Amino acid sequence: PRVAAGYASRYAWPSRSVLLLPEETPEGVVVRSVGFGAGI
């Protein structure tokens, strides 16, 4: 485990590993699926 060093790191902690997978559509970019796993 890693220690939260202060307020900023605690407020923005990477709880999960995520990657949004964008797709081009006629209406524009959308997200249907994500890469997903445990975070720090």
Full PDB file with SEQRES, HELIX, SHEET, SSBOND, CRYST1, ORIGX, SCALE, CONECT and MASTER records, all heavy atoms in Angstrom:
SEQRES   1 A   40  PRO ARG VAL ALA ALA GLY TYR ALA SER ARG TYR ALA TRP          
SEQRES   2 A   40  PRO SER ARG SER VAL LEU LEU LEU PRO GLU GLU THR PRO          
SEQRES   3 A   40  GLU GLY VAL VAL VAL ARG SER VAL GLY PHE GLY ALA GLY          
SEQRES   4 A   40  ILE                                                          
HELIX    1 AA1 TYR A    7  TYR A   11  1                                   5    
SHEET    1 AA1 2 ARG A  16  THR A  25  0                                        
SHEET    2 AA1 2 GLY A  28  ALA A  38 -1                                        
CRYST1    1.000    1.000    1.000  90.00  90.00  90.00 P 1           1          
ORIGX1      1.000000  0.000000  0.000000        0.00000                         
ORIGX2      0.000000  1.000000  0.000000        0.00000                         
ORIGX3      0.000000  0.000000  1.000000        0.00000                         
SCALE1      1.000000  0.000000  0.000000        0.00000                         
SCALE2      0.000000  1.000000  0.000000        0.00000                         
SCALE3      0.000000  0.000000  1.000000        0.00000                         
ATOM      1  N   PRO A   1       0.831  -1.215   0.000  1.00  0.00           N  
ATOM      2  CA  PRO A   1       0.000   0.000   0.000  1.00  0.00           C  
ATOM      3  C   PRO A   1       0.860   1.257   0.000  1.00  0.00           C  
ATOM      4  O   PRO A   1       2.011   1.253   0.418  1.00  0.00           O  
ATOM      5  CB  PRO A   1      -0.806  -0.128   1.293  1.00  0.00           C  
ATOM      6  CG  PRO A   1      -0.696  -1.554   1.694  1.00  0.00           C  
ATOM      7  CD  PRO A   1       0.627  -2.025   1.194  1.00  0.00           C  
ATOM      8  N   ARG A   2       0.270   2.339  -0.464  1.00  0.00           N  
ATOM      9  CA  ARG A   2       0.953   3.626  -0.486  1.00  0.00           C  
ATOM     10  C   ARG A   2       0.235   4.594   0.444  1.00  0.00           C  
ATOM     11  O   ARG A   2      -0.992   4.570   0.565  1.00  0.00           O  
ATOM     12  CB  ARG A   2       0.986   4.195  -1.906  1.00  0.00           C  
ATOM     13  CG  ARG A   2       1.992   5.333  -2.087  1.00  0.00           C  
ATOM     14  CD  ARG A   2       2.088   5.746  -3.539  1.00  0.00           C  
ATOM     15  NE  ARG A   2       0.973   6.594  -3.925  1.00  0.00           N  
ATOM     16  CZ  ARG A   2       0.737   7.003  -5.168  1.00  0.00           C  
ATOM     17  NH1 ARG A   2       1.525   6.606  -6.148  1.00  0.00           N  
ATOM     18  NH2 ARG A   2      -0.291   7.777  -5.443  1.00  0.00           N  
ATOM     19  N   VAL A   3       0.984   5.455   1.078  1.00  0.00           N  
ATOM     20  CA  VAL A   3       0.420   6.414   2.026  1.00  0.00           C  
ATOM     21  C   VAL A   3      -0.068   7.650   1.276  1.00  0.00           C  
ATOM     22  O   VAL A   3       0.592   8.122   0.342  1.00  0.00           O  
ATOM     23  CB  VAL A   3       1.477   6.824   3.076  1.00  0.00           C  
ATOM     24  CG1 VAL A   3       0.925   7.892   4.008  1.00  0.00           C  
ATOM     25  CG2 VAL A   3       1.927   5.611   3.871  1.00  0.00           C  
ATOM     26  N   ALA A   4      -1.219   8.178   1.679  1.00  0.00           N  
ATOM     27  CA  ALA A   4      -1.681   9.469   1.167  1.00  0.00           C  
ATOM     28  C   ALA A   4      -0.903  10.558   1.902  1.00  0.00           C  
ATOM     29  O   ALA A   4      -0.979  10.672   3.119  1.00  0.00           O  
ATOM     30  CB  ALA A   4      -3.182   9.634   1.394  1.00  0.00           C  
ATOM     31  N   ALA A   5      -0.153  11.365   1.160  1.00  0.00           N  
ATOM     32  CA  ALA A   5       0.742  12.336   1.781  1.00  0.00           C  
ATOM     33  C   ALA A   5       0.032  13.601   2.235  1.00  0.00           C  
ATOM     34  O   ALA A   5       0.626  14.413   2.946  1.00  0.00           O  
ATOM     35  CB  ALA A   5       1.863  12.696   0.806  1.00  0.00           C  
ATOM     36  N   GLY A   6      -1.227  13.795   1.829  1.00  0.00           N  
ATOM     37  CA  GLY A   6      -1.927  15.017   2.235  1.00  0.00           C  
ATOM     38  C   GLY A   6      -3.314  15.082   1.646  1.00  0.00           C  
ATOM     39  O   GLY A   6      -3.837  14.109   1.099  1.00  0.00           O  
ATOM     40  N   TYR A   7      -3.898  16.268   1.743  1.00  0.00           N  
ATOM     41  CA  TYR A   7      -5.281  16.444   1.310  1.00  0.00           C  
ATOM     42  C   TYR A   7      -5.437  16.229  -0.194  1.00  0.00           C  
ATOM     43  O   TYR A   7      -6.393  15.594  -0.644  1.00  0.00           O  
ATOM     44  CB  TYR A   7      -5.766  17.852   1.658  1.00  0.00           C  
ATOM     45  CG  TYR A   7      -5.681  18.200   3.124  1.00  0.00           C  
ATOM     46  CD1 TYR A   7      -5.475  19.514   3.544  1.00  0.00           C  
ATOM     47  CD2 TYR A   7      -5.803  17.213   4.107  1.00  0.00           C  
ATOM     48  CE1 TYR A   7      -5.405  19.844   4.885  1.00  0.00           C  
ATOM     49  CE2 TYR A   7      -5.728  17.529   5.454  1.00  0.00           C  
ATOM     50  CZ  TYR A   7      -5.518  18.854   5.837  1.00  0.00           C  
ATOM     51  OH  TYR A   7      -5.436  19.175   7.169  1.00  0.00           O  
ATOM     52  N   ALA A   8      -4.526  16.759  -1.002  1.00  0.00           N  
ATOM     53  CA  ALA A   8      -4.672  16.675  -2.455  1.00  0.00           C  
ATOM     54  C   ALA A   8      -4.606  15.233  -2.941  1.00  0.00           C  
ATOM     55  O   ALA A   8      -5.445  14.799  -3.739  1.00  0.00           O  
ATOM     56  CB  ALA A   8      -3.601  17.521  -3.136  1.00  0.00           C  
ATOM     57  N   SER A   9      -3.611  14.483  -2.464  1.00  0.00           N  
ATOM     58  CA  SER A   9      -3.502  13.094  -2.906  1.00  0.00           C  
ATOM     59  C   SER A   9      -4.667  12.259  -2.399  1.00  0.00           C  
ATOM     60  O   SER A   9      -5.115  11.319  -3.071  1.00  0.00           O  
ATOM     61  CB  SER A   9      -2.177  12.486  -2.438  1.00  0.00           C  
ATOM     62  OG  SER A   9      -2.016  12.612  -1.038  1.00  0.00           O  
ATOM     63  N   ARG A  10      -5.203  12.590  -1.223  1.00  0.00           N  
ATOM     64  CA  ARG A  10      -6.351  11.848  -0.708  1.00  0.00           C  
ATOM     65  C   ARG A  10      -7.611  12.187  -1.511  1.00  0.00           C  
ATOM     66  O   ARG A  10      -8.442  11.314  -1.790  1.00  0.00           O  
ATOM     67  CB  ARG A  10      -6.561  12.179   0.777  1.00  0.00           C  
ATOM     68  CG  ARG A  10      -7.545  11.263   1.484  1.00  0.00           C  
ATOM     69  CD  ARG A  10      -7.592  11.552   2.973  1.00  0.00           C  
ATOM     70  NE  ARG A  10      -6.337  11.231   3.626  1.00  0.00           N  
ATOM     71  CZ  ARG A  10      -5.969  10.009   4.004  1.00  0.00           C  
ATOM     72  NH1 ARG A  10      -6.778   8.983   3.781  1.00  0.00           N  
ATOM     73  NH2 ARG A  10      -4.817   9.796   4.591  1.00  0.00           N  
ATOM     74  N   TYR A  11      -7.788  13.453  -1.868  1.00  0.00           N  
ATOM     75  CA  TYR A  11      -8.963  13.853  -2.644  1.00  0.00           C  
ATOM     76  C   TYR A  11      -8.952  13.270  -4.056  1.00  0.00           C  
ATOM     77  O   TYR A  11     -10.009  13.103  -4.669  1.00  0.00           O  
ATOM     78  CB  TYR A  11      -9.019  15.382  -2.753  1.00  0.00           C  
ATOM     79  CG  TYR A  11      -9.597  16.098  -1.552  1.00  0.00           C  
ATOM     80  CD1 TYR A  11      -9.862  15.435  -0.351  1.00  0.00           C  
ATOM     81  CD2 TYR A  11      -9.892  17.453  -1.617  1.00  0.00           C  
ATOM     82  CE1 TYR A  11     -10.386  16.105   0.735  1.00  0.00           C  
ATOM     83  CE2 TYR A  11     -10.430  18.131  -0.531  1.00  0.00           C  
ATOM     84  CZ  TYR A  11     -10.671  17.466   0.648  1.00  0.00           C  
ATOM     85  OH  TYR A  11     -11.208  18.139   1.720  1.00  0.00           O  
ATOM     86  N   ALA A  12      -7.763  13.015  -4.613  1.00  0.00           N  
ATOM     87  CA  ALA A  12      -7.666  12.534  -6.004  1.00  0.00           C  
ATOM     88  C   ALA A  12      -6.989  11.170  -6.064  1.00  0.00           C  
ATOM     89  O   ALA A  12      -6.206  10.906  -6.961  1.00  0.00           O  
ATOM     90  CB  ALA A  12      -6.904  13.558  -6.843  1.00  0.00           C  
ATOM     91  N   TRP A  13      -7.312  10.306  -5.114  1.00  0.00           N  
ATOM     92  CA  TRP A  13      -6.661   9.012  -5.035  1.00  0.00           C  
ATOM     93  C   TRP A  13      -7.081   8.110  -6.204  1.00  0.00           C  
ATOM     94  O   TRP A  13      -8.276   7.989  -6.506  1.00  0.00           O  
ATOM     95  CB  TRP A  13      -7.010   8.314  -3.725  1.00  0.00           C  
ATOM     96  CG  TRP A  13      -6.160   7.115  -3.441  1.00  0.00           C  
ATOM     97  CD1 TRP A  13      -6.477   5.810  -3.648  1.00  0.00           C  
ATOM     98  CD2 TRP A  13      -4.823   7.125  -2.934  1.00  0.00           C  
ATOM     99  NE1 TRP A  13      -5.425   4.993  -3.286  1.00  0.00           N  
ATOM    100  CE2 TRP A  13      -4.395   5.780  -2.844  1.00  0.00           C  
ATOM    101  CE3 TRP A  13      -3.947   8.141  -2.542  1.00  0.00           C  
ATOM    102  CZ2 TRP A  13      -3.132   5.430  -2.381  1.00  0.00           C  
ATOM    103  CZ3 TRP A  13      -2.689   7.789  -2.069  1.00  0.00           C  
ATOM    104  CH2 TRP A  13      -2.300   6.443  -1.998  1.00  0.00           C  
ATOM    105  N   PRO A  14      -6.122   7.445  -6.890  1.00  0.00           N  
ATOM    106  CA  PRO A  14      -6.475   6.537  -8.002  1.00  0.00           C  
ATOM    107  C   PRO A  14      -6.971   5.192  -7.467  1.00  0.00           C  
ATOM    108  O   PRO A  14      -6.261   4.182  -7.485  1.00  0.00           O  
ATOM    109  CB  PRO A  14      -5.154   6.400  -8.767  1.00  0.00           C  
ATOM    110  CG  PRO A  14      -4.097   6.613  -7.730  1.00  0.00           C  
ATOM    111  CD  PRO A  14      -4.664   7.594  -6.735  1.00  0.00           C  
ATOM    112  N   SER A  15      -8.196   5.147  -7.009  1.00  0.00           N  
ATOM    113  CA  SER A  15      -8.760   3.948  -6.381  1.00  0.00           C  
ATOM    114  C   SER A  15      -8.866   2.782  -7.348  1.00  0.00           C  
ATOM    115  O   SER A  15      -8.811   1.619  -6.926  1.00  0.00           O  
ATOM    116  CB  SER A  15     -10.155   4.261  -5.817  1.00  0.00           C  
ATOM    117  OG  SER A  15     -10.119   5.387  -4.976  1.00  0.00           O  
ATOM    118  N   ARG A  16      -9.052   3.073  -8.626  1.00  0.00           N  
ATOM    119  CA  ARG A  16      -9.149   2.032  -9.642  1.00  0.00           C  
ATOM    120  C   ARG A  16      -8.283   2.403 -10.839  1.00  0.00           C  
ATOM    121  O   ARG A  16      -8.083   3.574 -11.150  1.00  0.00           O  
ATOM    122  CB  ARG A  16     -10.608   1.852 -10.105  1.00  0.00           C  
ATOM    123  CG  ARG A  16     -11.546   1.345  -9.026  1.00  0.00           C  
ATOM    124  CD  ARG A  16     -11.247  -0.091  -8.647  1.00  0.00           C  
ATOM    125  NE  ARG A  16     -12.173  -0.581  -7.643  1.00  0.00           N  
ATOM    126  CZ  ARG A  16     -11.970  -0.497  -6.322  1.00  0.00           C  
ATOM    127  NH1 ARG A  16     -10.859   0.076  -5.857  1.00  0.00           N  
ATOM    128  NH2 ARG A  16     -12.857  -0.974  -5.473  1.00  0.00           N  
ATOM    129  N   SER A  17      -7.791   1.380 -11.503  1.00  0.00           N  
ATOM    130  CA  SER A  17      -7.100   1.566 -12.774  1.00  0.00           C  
ATOM    131  C   SER A  17      -8.164   1.564 -13.863  1.00  0.00           C  
ATOM    132  O   SER A  17      -8.917   0.595 -13.999  1.00  0.00           O  
ATOM    133  CB  SER A  17      -6.104   0.433 -13.011  1.00  0.00           C  
ATOM    134  OG  SER A  17      -5.143   0.394 -11.978  1.00  0.00           O  
ATOM    135  N   VAL A  18      -8.232   2.648 -14.617  1.00  0.00           N  
ATOM    136  CA  VAL A  18      -9.279   2.799 -15.623  1.00  0.00           C  
ATOM    137  C   VAL A  18      -8.651   3.328 -16.906  1.00  0.00           C  
ATOM    138  O   VAL A  18      -7.715   4.132 -16.875  1.00  0.00           O  
ATOM    139  CB  VAL A  18     -10.377   3.775 -15.141  1.00  0.00           C  
ATOM    140  CG1 VAL A  18     -11.440   3.966 -16.217  1.00  0.00           C  
ATOM    141  CG2 VAL A  18     -11.013   3.273 -13.853  1.00  0.00           C  
ATOM    142  N   LEU A  19      -9.161   2.881 -18.019  1.00  0.00           N  
ATOM    143  CA  LEU A  19      -8.841   3.480 -19.304  1.00  0.00           C  
ATOM    144  C   LEU A  19     -10.130   3.562 -20.110  1.00  0.00           C  
ATOM    145  O   LEU A  19     -10.715   2.538 -20.477  1.00  0.00           O  
ATOM    146  CB  LEU A  19      -7.800   2.664 -20.067  1.00  0.00           C  
ATOM    147  CG  LEU A  19      -7.442   3.220 -21.455  1.00  0.00           C  
ATOM    148  CD1 LEU A  19      -6.797   4.598 -21.335  1.00  0.00           C  
ATOM    149  CD2 LEU A  19      -6.532   2.268 -22.220  1.00  0.00           C  
ATOM    150  N   LEU A  20     -10.589   4.766 -20.365  1.00  0.00           N  
ATOM    151  CA  LEU A  20     -11.769   4.963 -21.201  1.00  0.00           C  
ATOM    152  C   LEU A  20     -11.402   4.633 -22.646  1.00  0.00           C  
ATOM    153  O   LEU A  20     -10.370   5.085 -23.158  1.00  0.00           O  
ATOM    154  CB  LEU A  20     -12.262   6.410 -21.100  1.00  0.00           C  
ATOM    155  CG  LEU A  20     -12.626   6.908 -19.693  1.00  0.00           C  
ATOM    156  CD1 LEU A  20     -13.024   8.387 -19.751  1.00  0.00           C  
ATOM    157  CD2 LEU A  20     -13.763   6.089 -19.099  1.00  0.00           C  
ATOM    158  N   LEU A  21     -12.231   3.851 -23.305  1.00  0.00           N  
ATOM    159  CA  LEU A  21     -11.960   3.411 -24.675  1.00  0.00           C  
ATOM    160  C   LEU A  21     -12.898   4.147 -25.638  1.00  0.00           C  
ATOM    161  O   LEU A  21     -14.060   3.745 -25.826  1.00  0.00           O  
ATOM    162  CB  LEU A  21     -12.145   1.897 -24.790  1.00  0.00           C  
ATOM    163  CG  LEU A  21     -11.275   1.074 -23.822  1.00  0.00           C  
ATOM    164  CD1 LEU A  21     -11.629  -0.407 -23.909  1.00  0.00           C  
ATOM    165  CD2 LEU A  21      -9.794   1.289 -24.120  1.00  0.00           C  
ATOM    166  N   PRO A  22     -12.435   5.234 -26.234  1.00  0.00           N  
ATOM    167  CA  PRO A  22     -13.311   6.041 -27.098  1.00  0.00           C  
ATOM    168  C   PRO A  22     -13.577   5.377 -28.446  1.00  0.00           C  
ATOM    169  O   PRO A  22     -12.735   4.628 -28.968  1.00  0.00           O  
ATOM    170  CB  PRO A  22     -12.512   7.339 -27.276  1.00  0.00           C  
ATOM    171  CG  PRO A  22     -11.079   6.917 -27.138  1.00  0.00           C  
ATOM    172  CD  PRO A  22     -11.075   5.782 -26.147  1.00  0.00           C  
ATOM    173  N   GLU A  23     -14.754   5.657 -28.991  1.00  0.00           N  
ATOM    174  CA  GLU A  23     -15.129   5.156 -30.316  1.00  0.00           C  
ATOM    175  C   GLU A  23     -15.637   6.323 -31.150  1.00  0.00           C  
ATOM    176  O   GLU A  23     -16.394   7.167 -30.663  1.00  0.00           O  
ATOM    177  CB  GLU A  23     -16.232   4.099 -30.205  1.00  0.00           C  
ATOM    178  CG  GLU A  23     -15.876   2.885 -29.362  1.00  0.00           C  
ATOM    179  CD  GLU A  23     -17.054   1.931 -29.224  1.00  0.00           C  
ATOM    180  OE1 GLU A  23     -17.972   1.995 -30.079  1.00  0.00           O  
ATOM    181  OE2 GLU A  23     -17.062   1.132 -28.275  1.00  0.00           O  
ATOM    182  N   GLU A  24     -15.225   6.358 -32.408  1.00  0.00           N  
ATOM    183  CA  GLU A  24     -15.723   7.368 -33.342  1.00  0.00           C  
ATOM    184  C   GLU A  24     -17.061   6.913 -33.909  1.00  0.00           C  
ATOM    185  O   GLU A  24     -17.193   5.780 -34.384  1.00  0.00           O  
ATOM    186  CB  GLU A  24     -14.726   7.580 -34.479  1.00  0.00           C  
ATOM    187  CG  GLU A  24     -13.426   8.244 -34.059  1.00  0.00           C  
ATOM    188  CD  GLU A  24     -13.535   9.756 -34.034  1.00  0.00           C  
ATOM    189  OE1 GLU A  24     -14.673  10.266 -34.102  1.00  0.00           O  
ATOM    190  OE2 GLU A  24     -12.482  10.413 -33.948  1.00  0.00           O  
ATOM    191  N   THR A  25     -18.067   7.772 -33.833  1.00  0.00           N  
ATOM    192  CA  THR A  25     -19.376   7.474 -34.420  1.00  0.00           C  
ATOM    193  C   THR A  25     -19.808   8.693 -35.230  1.00  0.00           C  
ATOM    194  O   THR A  25     -19.228   9.778 -35.107  1.00  0.00           O  
ATOM    195  CB  THR A  25     -20.430   7.202 -33.326  1.00  0.00           C  
ATOM    196  OG1 THR A  25     -20.737   8.419 -32.650  1.00  0.00           O  
ATOM    197  CG2 THR A  25     -19.915   6.182 -32.310  1.00  0.00           C  
ATOM    198  N   PRO A  26     -20.834   8.554 -36.057  1.00  0.00           N  
ATOM    199  CA  PRO A  26     -21.318   9.720 -36.813  1.00  0.00           C  
ATOM    200  C   PRO A  26     -21.765  10.864 -35.903  1.00  0.00           C  
ATOM    201  O   PRO A  26     -21.720  12.034 -36.305  1.00  0.00           O  
ATOM    202  CB  PRO A  26     -22.501   9.140 -37.610  1.00  0.00           C  
ATOM    203  CG  PRO A  26     -22.175   7.690 -37.753  1.00  0.00           C  
ATOM    204  CD  PRO A  26     -21.483   7.305 -36.487  1.00  0.00           C  
ATOM    205  N   GLU A  27     -22.179  10.533 -34.701  1.00  0.00           N  
ATOM    206  CA  GLU A  27     -22.619  11.569 -33.764  1.00  0.00           C  
ATOM    207  C   GLU A  27     -21.459  12.153 -32.963  1.00  0.00           C  
ATOM    208  O   GLU A  27     -21.645  13.073 -32.169  1.00  0.00           O  
ATOM    209  CB  GLU A  27     -23.657  10.998 -32.797  1.00  0.00           C  
ATOM    210  CG  GLU A  27     -24.991  10.642 -33.432  1.00  0.00           C  
ATOM    211  CD  GLU A  27     -24.914   9.350 -34.228  1.00  0.00           C  
ATOM    212  OE1 GLU A  27     -24.079   8.478 -33.881  1.00  0.00           O  
ATOM    213  OE2 GLU A  27     -25.668   9.226 -35.207  1.00  0.00           O  
ATOM    214  N   GLY A  28     -20.262  11.586 -33.134  1.00  0.00           N  
ATOM    215  CA  GLY A  28     -19.117  12.053 -32.369  1.00  0.00           C  
ATOM    216  C   GLY A  28     -18.497  10.934 -31.555  1.00  0.00           C  
ATOM    217  O   GLY A  28     -18.882   9.758 -31.667  1.00  0.00           O  
ATOM    218  N   VAL A  29     -17.535  11.287 -30.699  1.00  0.00           N  
ATOM    219  CA  VAL A  29     -16.843  10.304 -29.879  1.00  0.00           C  
ATOM    220  C   VAL A  29     -17.744   9.857 -28.732  1.00  0.00           C  
ATOM    221  O   VAL A  29     -18.391  10.684 -28.075  1.00  0.00           O  
ATOM    222  CB  VAL A  29     -15.531  10.894 -29.312  1.00  0.00           C  
ATOM    223  CG1 VAL A  29     -14.859   9.901 -28.372  1.00  0.00           C  
ATOM    224  CG2 VAL A  29     -14.591  11.269 -30.443  1.00  0.00           C  
ATOM    225  N   VAL A  30     -17.789   8.535 -28.481  1.00  0.00           N  
ATOM    226  CA  VAL A  30     -18.554   7.991 -27.358  1.00  0.00           C  
ATOM    227  C   VAL A  30     -17.687   6.961 -26.633  1.00  0.00           C  
ATOM    228  O   VAL A  30     -16.658   6.516 -27.150  1.00  0.00           O  
ATOM    229  CB  VAL A  30     -19.876   7.325 -27.826  1.00  0.00           C  
ATOM    230  CG1 VAL A  30     -20.779   8.334 -28.520  1.00  0.00           C  
ATOM    231  CG2 VAL A  30     -19.585   6.138 -28.739  1.00  0.00           C  
ATOM    232  N   VAL A  31     -18.122   6.587 -25.429  1.00  0.00           N  
ATOM    233  CA  VAL A  31     -17.434   5.563 -24.642  1.00  0.00           C  
ATOM    234  C   VAL A  31     -18.432   4.467 -24.304  1.00  0.00           C  
ATOM    235  O   VAL A  31     -19.442   4.722 -23.636  1.00  0.00           O  
ATOM    236  CB  VAL A  31     -16.853   6.166 -23.343  1.00  0.00           C  
ATOM    237  CG1 VAL A  31     -16.264   5.061 -22.460  1.00  0.00           C  
ATOM    238  CG2 VAL A  31     -15.800   7.210 -23.657  1.00  0.00           C  
ATOM    239  N   ARG A  32     -18.161   3.244 -24.768  1.00  0.00           N  
ATOM    240  CA  ARG A  32     -19.008   2.102 -24.441  1.00  0.00           C  
ATOM    241  C   ARG A  32     -18.327   1.153 -23.462  1.00  0.00           C  
ATOM    242  O   ARG A  32     -18.976   0.534 -22.638  1.00  0.00           O  
ATOM    243  CB  ARG A  32     -19.383   1.324 -25.703  1.00  0.00           C  
ATOM    244  CG  ARG A  32     -20.419   1.992 -26.580  1.00  0.00           C  
ATOM    245  CD  ARG A  32     -20.929   1.045 -27.663  1.00  0.00           C  
ATOM    246  NE  ARG A  32     -22.019   1.647 -28.397  1.00  0.00           N  
ATOM    247  CZ  ARG A  32     -21.863   2.432 -29.451  1.00  0.00           C  
ATOM    248  NH1 ARG A  32     -20.651   2.697 -29.894  1.00  0.00           N  
ATOM    249  NH2 ARG A  32     -22.906   2.945 -30.072  1.00  0.00           N  
ATOM    250  N   SER A  33     -17.028   1.033 -23.569  1.00  0.00           N  
ATOM    251  CA  SER A  33     -16.312   0.099 -22.705  1.00  0.00           C  
ATOM    252  C   SER A  33     -15.065   0.761 -22.148  1.00  0.00           C  
ATOM    253  O   SER A  33     -14.600   1.797 -22.642  1.00  0.00           O  
ATOM    254  CB  SER A  33     -15.956  -1.179 -23.470  1.00  0.00           C  
ATOM    255  OG  SER A  33     -15.153  -0.870 -24.597  1.00  0.00           O  
ATOM    256  N   VAL A  34     -14.526   0.139 -21.116  1.00  0.00           N  
ATOM    257  CA  VAL A  34     -13.357   0.679 -20.420  1.00  0.00           C  
ATOM    258  C   VAL A  34     -12.409  -0.461 -20.075  1.00  0.00           C  
ATOM    259  O   VAL A  34     -12.831  -1.608 -19.891  1.00  0.00           O  
ATOM    260  CB  VAL A  34     -13.762   1.418 -19.123  1.00  0.00           C  
ATOM    261  CG1 VAL A  34     -14.689   2.574 -19.424  1.00  0.00           C  
ATOM    262  CG2 VAL A  34     -14.396   0.462 -18.111  1.00  0.00           C  
ATOM    263  N   GLY A  35     -11.116  -0.139 -19.990  1.00  0.00           N  
ATOM    264  CA  GLY A  35     -10.176  -1.033 -19.348  1.00  0.00           C  
ATOM    265  C   GLY A  35     -10.303  -0.808 -17.851  1.00  0.00           C  
ATOM    266  O   GLY A  35     -10.370   0.340 -17.397  1.00  0.00           O  
ATOM    267  N   PHE A  36     -10.356  -1.904 -17.078  1.00  0.00           N  
ATOM    268  CA  PHE A  36     -10.707  -1.741 -15.667  1.00  0.00           C  
ATOM    269  C   PHE A  36      -9.941  -2.732 -14.797  1.00  0.00           C  
ATOM    270  O   PHE A  36      -9.822  -3.909 -15.132  1.00  0.00           O  
ATOM    271  CB  PHE A  36     -12.207  -1.956 -15.467  1.00  0.00           C  
ATOM    272  CG  PHE A  36     -12.712  -1.622 -14.098  1.00  0.00           C  
ATOM    273  CD1 PHE A  36     -13.029  -0.319 -13.751  1.00  0.00           C  
ATOM    274  CD2 PHE A  36     -12.865  -2.620 -13.141  1.00  0.00           C  
ATOM    275  CE1 PHE A  36     -13.490  -0.010 -12.491  1.00  0.00           C  
ATOM    276  CE2 PHE A  36     -13.320  -2.322 -11.874  1.00  0.00           C  
ATOM    277  CZ  PHE A  36     -13.633  -1.008 -11.546  1.00  0.00           C  
ATOM    278  N   GLY A  37      -9.411  -2.238 -13.675  1.00  0.00           N  
ATOM    279  CA  GLY A  37      -8.708  -3.101 -12.729  1.00  0.00           C  
ATOM    280  C   GLY A  37      -8.541  -2.405 -11.396  1.00  0.00           C  
ATOM    281  O   GLY A  37      -8.978  -1.266 -11.200  1.00  0.00           O  
ATOM    282  N   ALA A  38      -7.913  -3.088 -10.454  1.00  0.00           N  
ATOM    283  CA  ALA A  38      -7.656  -2.498  -9.138  1.00  0.00           C  
ATOM    284  C   ALA A  38      -6.710  -1.314  -9.281  1.00  0.00           C  
ATOM    285  O   ALA A  38      -5.866  -1.271 -10.184  1.00  0.00           O  
ATOM    286  CB  ALA A  38      -7.055  -3.547  -8.207  1.00  0.00           C  
ATOM    287  N   GLY A  39      -6.854  -0.352  -8.385  1.00  0.00           N  
ATOM    288  CA  GLY A  39      -5.987   0.809  -8.398  1.00  0.00           C  
ATOM    289  C   GLY A  39      -4.867   0.682  -7.385  1.00  0.00           C  
ATOM    290  O   GLY A  39      -4.442  -0.425  -7.042  1.00  0.00           O  
ATOM    291  N   ILE A  40      -4.393   1.819  -6.879  1.00  0.00           N  
ATOM    292  CA  ILE A  40      -3.302   1.821  -5.914  1.00  0.00           C  
ATOM    293  C   ILE A  40      -3.876   1.606  -4.516  1.00  0.00           C  
ATOM    294  O   ILE A  40      -4.722   2.386  -4.068  1.00  0.00           O  
ATOM    295  CB  ILE A  40      -2.534   3.153  -5.962  1.00  0.00           C  
ATOM    296  CG1 ILE A  40      -1.933   3.361  -7.348  1.00  0.00           C  
ATOM    297  CG2 ILE A  40      -1.445   3.182  -4.905  1.00  0.00           C  
ATOM    298  CD1 ILE A  40      -0.948   2.296  -7.757  1.00  0.00           C  
TER     299      ILE A  40                                                      
MASTER        0    0    0    1    2    0    0    6  298    1    0    4          
END                                                                             
